[in-house]
Amino acid sequence: MAFFDPSGNPVSYHQWLTIYESYYFLGGPTHGRRISQGNQSSRFVENQVGAVLAQTFPLSRNDLVLAMAWKIGLIDHQQSQATSAIQYLNNWPATLIANNGYRKLNFSQSIPYLAANMATIRQQLLGANPQHLFNLRLQGLGPVYKLALHFFITNGRNPIYDKYAHLGALAIDQNLPVGSTVNNYRPLQSWQDYQAFQGLLRRIGLQPQGTMFISRADDRALWVYGHFFR
């Protein structure tokens, strides 16, 4: 297990966290086209998302709209920061239809369903059936989007999943300097894959935050770090 700075020098975990979390936010350092103003986050938006994550009561339709827009990339972060209000793209709250760059995603049925049944879903996820949401067949919701909502509904007790976070975690586990090709990466498809990802996060020693599996600071740094690998 090893952490490296962008120049390839070994660093401590705490140095790694400070370096890479700074790339996450608008105004921070960039990394070519991989980390730029196009995918950096507004601190205002991050605070709004954090408030949804911290809620101890069932998420509303508006909460789900914000969480999914944040995950998919349907928030104008620069305008949100400038106006201190969430600025959505493509009339997202009204249509609940998005394009993730590969295909059209339609959440017009799934988000209302989730909002109407949120109390039961939350009870299941925090109780004896943590796979409940993952196993539901819902329009537009593939495994990664289900796990993003799972993260919010459980207040971070189970970690959010992202391709780049996975690449970053594997790179740490494999002692790889930045710019390397990560071994044994494959897209998450099953609950067993998600459990393996959780095991990986435990193995590399990232830090919990209260009841959260790992801290939001670790989440942010890990997502950035993954963009430095192939």
Protein backbone atom coordinates (compact mmCIF):
# COMPACT_ATOMS: atom_id res chain seq x y z
CA MET A 1 0.00 0.00 0.00
CA ALA A 2 1.56 3.31 -1.10
CA PHE A 3 0.55 6.90 -1.81
CA PHE A 4 2.28 9.15 -4.36
CA ASP A 5 2.18 12.84 -5.23
CA PRO A 6 1.64 13.98 -8.85
CA SER A 7 5.41 13.96 -9.45
CA GLY A 8 5.70 10.31 -8.40
CA ASN A 9 7.20 10.90 -4.96
CA PRO A 10 6.01 8.71 -2.06
CA VAL A 11 3.94 10.65 0.48
CA SER A 12 2.09 9.88 3.69
CA TYR A 13 -1.65 9.28 3.72
CA HIS A 14 -2.27 12.73 5.24
CA GLN A 15 -0.10 14.44 2.60
CA TRP A 16 -1.91 12.49 -0.12
CA LEU A 17 -5.29 13.58 1.23
CA THR A 18 -4.31 17.26 1.34
CA ILE A 19 -2.80 17.21 -2.16
CA TYR A 20 -5.57 15.44 -4.05
CA GLU A 21 -8.62 16.81 -2.26
CA SER A 22 -7.54 20.29 -3.38
CA TYR A 23 -8.00 19.24 -7.04
CA TYR A 24 -11.67 18.44 -6.40
CA PHE A 25 -12.90 22.01 -6.00
CA LEU A 26 -13.22 24.90 -8.42
CA GLY A 27 -10.18 27.12 -8.11
CA GLY A 28 -7.94 24.22 -7.16
CA PRO A 29 -5.13 22.74 -9.27
CA THR A 30 -6.02 20.94 -12.51
CA HIS A 31 -4.68 17.92 -14.37
CA GLY A 32 -4.99 18.49 -18.10
CA ARG A 33 -8.43 17.56 -19.40
CA ARG A 34 -8.89 14.90 -16.75
CA ILE A 35 -9.43 17.30 -13.86
CA SER A 36 -10.54 20.74 -15.02
CA GLN A 37 -13.24 23.33 -14.39
CA GLY A 38 -15.50 21.04 -16.40
CA ASN A 39 -15.59 18.42 -13.63
CA GLN A 40 -14.46 20.28 -10.51
CA SER A 41 -17.05 20.96 -7.83
CA SER A 42 -18.46 24.10 -6.30
CA ARG A 43 -18.02 24.26 -2.54
CA PHE A 44 -21.58 25.57 -2.32
CA VAL A 45 -22.89 22.49 -4.18
CA GLU A 46 -20.76 20.20 -2.05
CA ASN A 47 -22.28 21.71 1.09
CA GLN A 48 -25.81 21.17 -0.26
CA VAL A 49 -24.98 17.57 -1.13
CA GLY A 50 -23.45 17.08 2.29
CA ALA A 51 -26.68 18.28 3.90
CA VAL A 52 -28.67 15.65 1.99
CA LEU A 53 -26.13 13.00 2.98
CA ALA A 54 -26.48 13.93 6.66
CA GLN A 55 -30.30 13.73 6.78
CA THR A 56 -31.61 11.20 9.25
CA PHE A 57 -35.13 11.17 7.79
CA PRO A 58 -36.29 9.72 4.45
CA LEU A 59 -35.11 11.60 1.36
CA SER A 60 -37.70 13.62 -0.55
CA ARG A 61 -38.16 13.88 -4.30
CA ASN A 62 -36.14 17.11 -4.29
CA ASP A 63 -33.34 15.41 -2.36
CA LEU A 64 -33.24 12.59 -4.90
CA VAL A 65 -33.26 15.08 -7.78
CA LEU A 66 -30.22 16.83 -6.30
CA ALA A 67 -28.36 13.62 -5.48
CA MET A 68 -28.81 12.17 -8.96
CA ALA A 69 -27.96 15.44 -10.70
CA TRP A 70 -24.74 15.62 -8.67
CA LYS A 71 -23.84 12.04 -9.56
CA ILE A 72 -24.66 12.29 -13.28
CA GLY A 73 -23.18 15.76 -13.79
CA LEU A 74 -26.31 17.85 -14.34
CA ILE A 75 -25.33 20.79 -12.14
CA ASP A 76 -23.67 23.97 -13.38
CA HIS A 77 -21.12 24.28 -10.59
CA GLN A 78 -19.73 27.66 -11.59
CA GLN A 79 -23.17 29.29 -11.77
CA SER A 80 -24.28 27.55 -8.58
CA GLN A 81 -21.24 28.94 -6.79
CA ALA A 82 -21.83 32.43 -8.20
CA THR A 83 -25.53 32.55 -7.28
CA SER A 84 -25.49 30.45 -4.08
CA ALA A 85 -28.31 28.37 -5.54
CA ILE A 86 -28.32 25.02 -7.31
CA GLN A 87 -28.38 25.63 -11.07
CA TYR A 88 -29.46 22.49 -12.92
CA LEU A 89 -28.72 21.74 -16.56
CA ASN A 90 -31.11 20.62 -19.30
CA ASN A 91 -34.33 21.28 -17.34
CA TRP A 92 -33.46 18.24 -15.24
CA PRO A 93 -35.87 18.71 -12.28
CA ALA A 94 -38.89 18.95 -14.61
CA THR A 95 -38.07 16.14 -17.02
CA LEU A 96 -35.90 13.76 -14.96
CA ILE A 97 -34.29 12.80 -18.28
CA ALA A 98 -30.53 12.99 -18.70
CA ASN A 99 -27.77 12.11 -21.11
CA ASN A 100 -24.63 10.72 -19.48
CA GLY A 101 -22.59 11.10 -22.67
CA TYR A 102 -23.36 7.59 -23.88
CA ARG A 103 -27.14 7.27 -23.84
CA LYS A 104 -30.35 8.90 -22.69
CA LEU A 105 -31.34 8.07 -19.13
CA ASN A 106 -34.96 8.36 -18.07
CA PHE A 107 -35.68 8.60 -14.34
CA SER A 108 -39.21 9.98 -14.68
CA GLN A 109 -40.71 6.87 -13.11
CA SER A 110 -37.92 5.68 -10.82
CA ILE A 111 -37.35 8.88 -8.83
CA PRO A 112 -41.07 9.37 -7.98
CA TYR A 113 -41.28 5.67 -7.04
CA LEU A 114 -38.25 5.96 -4.76
CA ALA A 115 -39.60 9.12 -3.12
CA ALA A 116 -43.00 7.50 -2.46
CA ASN A 117 -41.39 4.40 -0.94
CA MET A 118 -38.37 5.97 0.71
CA ALA A 119 -39.29 5.23 4.33
CA THR A 120 -39.52 1.49 3.59
CA ILE A 121 -36.37 1.51 1.43
CA ARG A 122 -34.36 3.29 4.12
CA GLN A 123 -35.59 0.84 6.76
CA GLN A 124 -34.53 -2.10 4.58
CA LEU A 125 -31.07 -0.71 3.79
CA LEU A 126 -30.30 0.14 7.41
CA GLY A 127 -31.75 -3.16 8.61
CA ALA A 128 -31.52 -6.74 7.51
CA ASN A 129 -31.65 -6.25 3.74
CA PRO A 130 -28.82 -3.95 2.55
CA GLN A 131 -29.19 -5.32 -1.00
CA HIS A 132 -32.83 -4.22 -1.26
CA LEU A 133 -32.28 -1.17 -3.49
CA PHE A 134 -29.57 -2.86 -5.55
CA ASN A 135 -31.98 -5.68 -6.39
CA LEU A 136 -34.86 -3.42 -7.46
CA ARG A 137 -35.53 -3.08 -11.19
CA LEU A 138 -35.97 0.62 -11.76
CA GLN A 139 -35.98 2.61 -14.98
CA GLY A 140 -32.62 4.24 -15.72
CA LEU A 141 -30.94 2.96 -12.57
CA GLY A 142 -27.96 0.74 -13.26
CA PRO A 143 -25.71 -0.59 -10.48
CA VAL A 144 -23.56 2.54 -10.10
CA TYR A 145 -26.54 4.90 -9.83
CA LYS A 146 -28.29 2.59 -7.36
CA LEU A 147 -25.18 2.59 -5.17
CA ALA A 148 -24.99 6.38 -5.33
CA LEU A 149 -28.52 6.58 -3.93
CA HIS A 150 -27.70 3.82 -1.44
CA PHE A 151 -24.85 6.04 -0.19
CA PHE A 152 -27.21 8.97 0.42
CA ILE A 153 -30.04 6.92 1.90
CA THR A 154 -27.71 5.25 4.44
CA ASN A 155 -25.92 8.49 5.35
CA GLY A 156 -22.67 7.11 3.96
CA ARG A 157 -22.66 3.93 6.05
CA ASN A 158 -21.93 2.19 2.77
CA PRO A 159 -19.46 3.96 0.46
CA ILE A 160 -20.32 5.53 -2.86
CA TYR A 161 -18.96 3.67 -5.88
CA ASP A 162 -17.26 5.32 -8.83
CA LYS A 163 -14.95 4.03 -11.57
CA TYR A 164 -12.26 6.56 -10.70
CA ALA A 165 -12.46 5.88 -6.98
CA HIS A 166 -12.05 2.19 -7.81
CA LEU A 167 -9.00 2.88 -9.99
CA GLY A 168 -7.49 5.09 -7.30
CA ALA A 169 -8.02 2.48 -4.58
CA LEU A 170 -6.50 -0.27 -6.72
CA ALA A 171 -3.50 1.94 -7.49
CA ILE A 172 -2.89 2.49 -3.76
CA ASP A 173 -3.28 -1.21 -3.05
CA GLN A 174 -0.89 -2.10 -5.88
CA ASN A 175 1.75 0.49 -4.84
CA LEU A 176 1.57 2.19 -8.25
CA PRO A 177 3.04 5.64 -8.95
CA VAL A 178 0.85 8.09 -10.85
CA GLY A 179 0.56 7.49 -14.58
CA SER A 180 0.65 3.71 -14.22
CA THR A 181 -1.80 1.20 -15.63
CA VAL A 182 -3.93 -0.36 -12.91
CA ASN A 183 -4.21 -4.15 -12.87
CA ASN A 184 -7.38 -6.18 -12.38
CA TYR A 185 -9.90 -3.36 -12.80
CA ARG A 186 -13.31 -4.37 -14.12
CA PRO A 187 -16.58 -2.44 -13.94
CA LEU A 188 -18.83 -3.21 -11.00
CA GLN A 189 -21.82 -5.38 -11.91
CA SER A 190 -22.92 -7.31 -8.83
CA TRP A 191 -23.41 -6.92 -5.09
CA GLN A 192 -20.42 -9.21 -4.63
CA ASP A 193 -18.33 -6.74 -6.67
CA TYR A 194 -19.48 -3.98 -4.32
CA GLN A 195 -18.53 -6.00 -1.26
CA ALA A 196 -15.09 -6.56 -2.80
CA PHE A 197 -14.78 -2.78 -3.32
CA GLN A 198 -15.64 -2.22 0.34
CA GLY A 199 -12.95 -4.71 1.30
CA LEU A 200 -10.46 -2.87 -0.88
CA LEU A 201 -11.25 0.44 0.86
CA ARG A 202 -10.73 -1.18 4.26
CA ARG A 203 -7.44 -2.69 3.12
CA ILE A 204 -5.88 0.59 1.99
CA GLY A 205 -6.62 2.25 5.31
CA LEU A 206 -8.87 5.18 4.43
CA GLN A 207 -10.51 6.82 7.43
CA PRO A 208 -14.15 6.60 8.59
CA GLN A 209 -16.04 9.76 9.59
CA GLY A 210 -18.62 9.24 12.32
CA THR A 211 -20.93 6.53 11.01
CA MET A 212 -19.67 6.98 7.42
CA PHE A 213 -17.66 4.14 5.89
CA ILE A 214 -14.96 6.61 4.80
CA SER A 215 -14.85 10.39 5.12
CA ARG A 216 -16.07 12.69 2.37
CA ALA A 217 -12.54 14.10 2.21
CA ASP A 218 -11.26 10.60 1.39
CA ASP A 219 -14.05 10.17 -1.17
CA ARG A 220 -13.03 13.37 -2.91
CA ALA A 221 -9.29 12.66 -2.89
CA LEU A 222 -9.78 9.09 -4.09
CA TRP A 223 -11.98 10.19 -7.02
CA VAL A 224 -9.33 12.71 -8.09
CA TYR A 225 -6.49 10.22 -7.65
CA GLY A 226 -8.13 7.72 -9.99
CA HIS A 227 -7.90 10.26 -12.84
CA PHE A 228 -4.10 10.02 -12.65
CA PHE A 229 -4.13 6.35 -13.70
CA ARG A 230 -5.06 4.26 -16.70
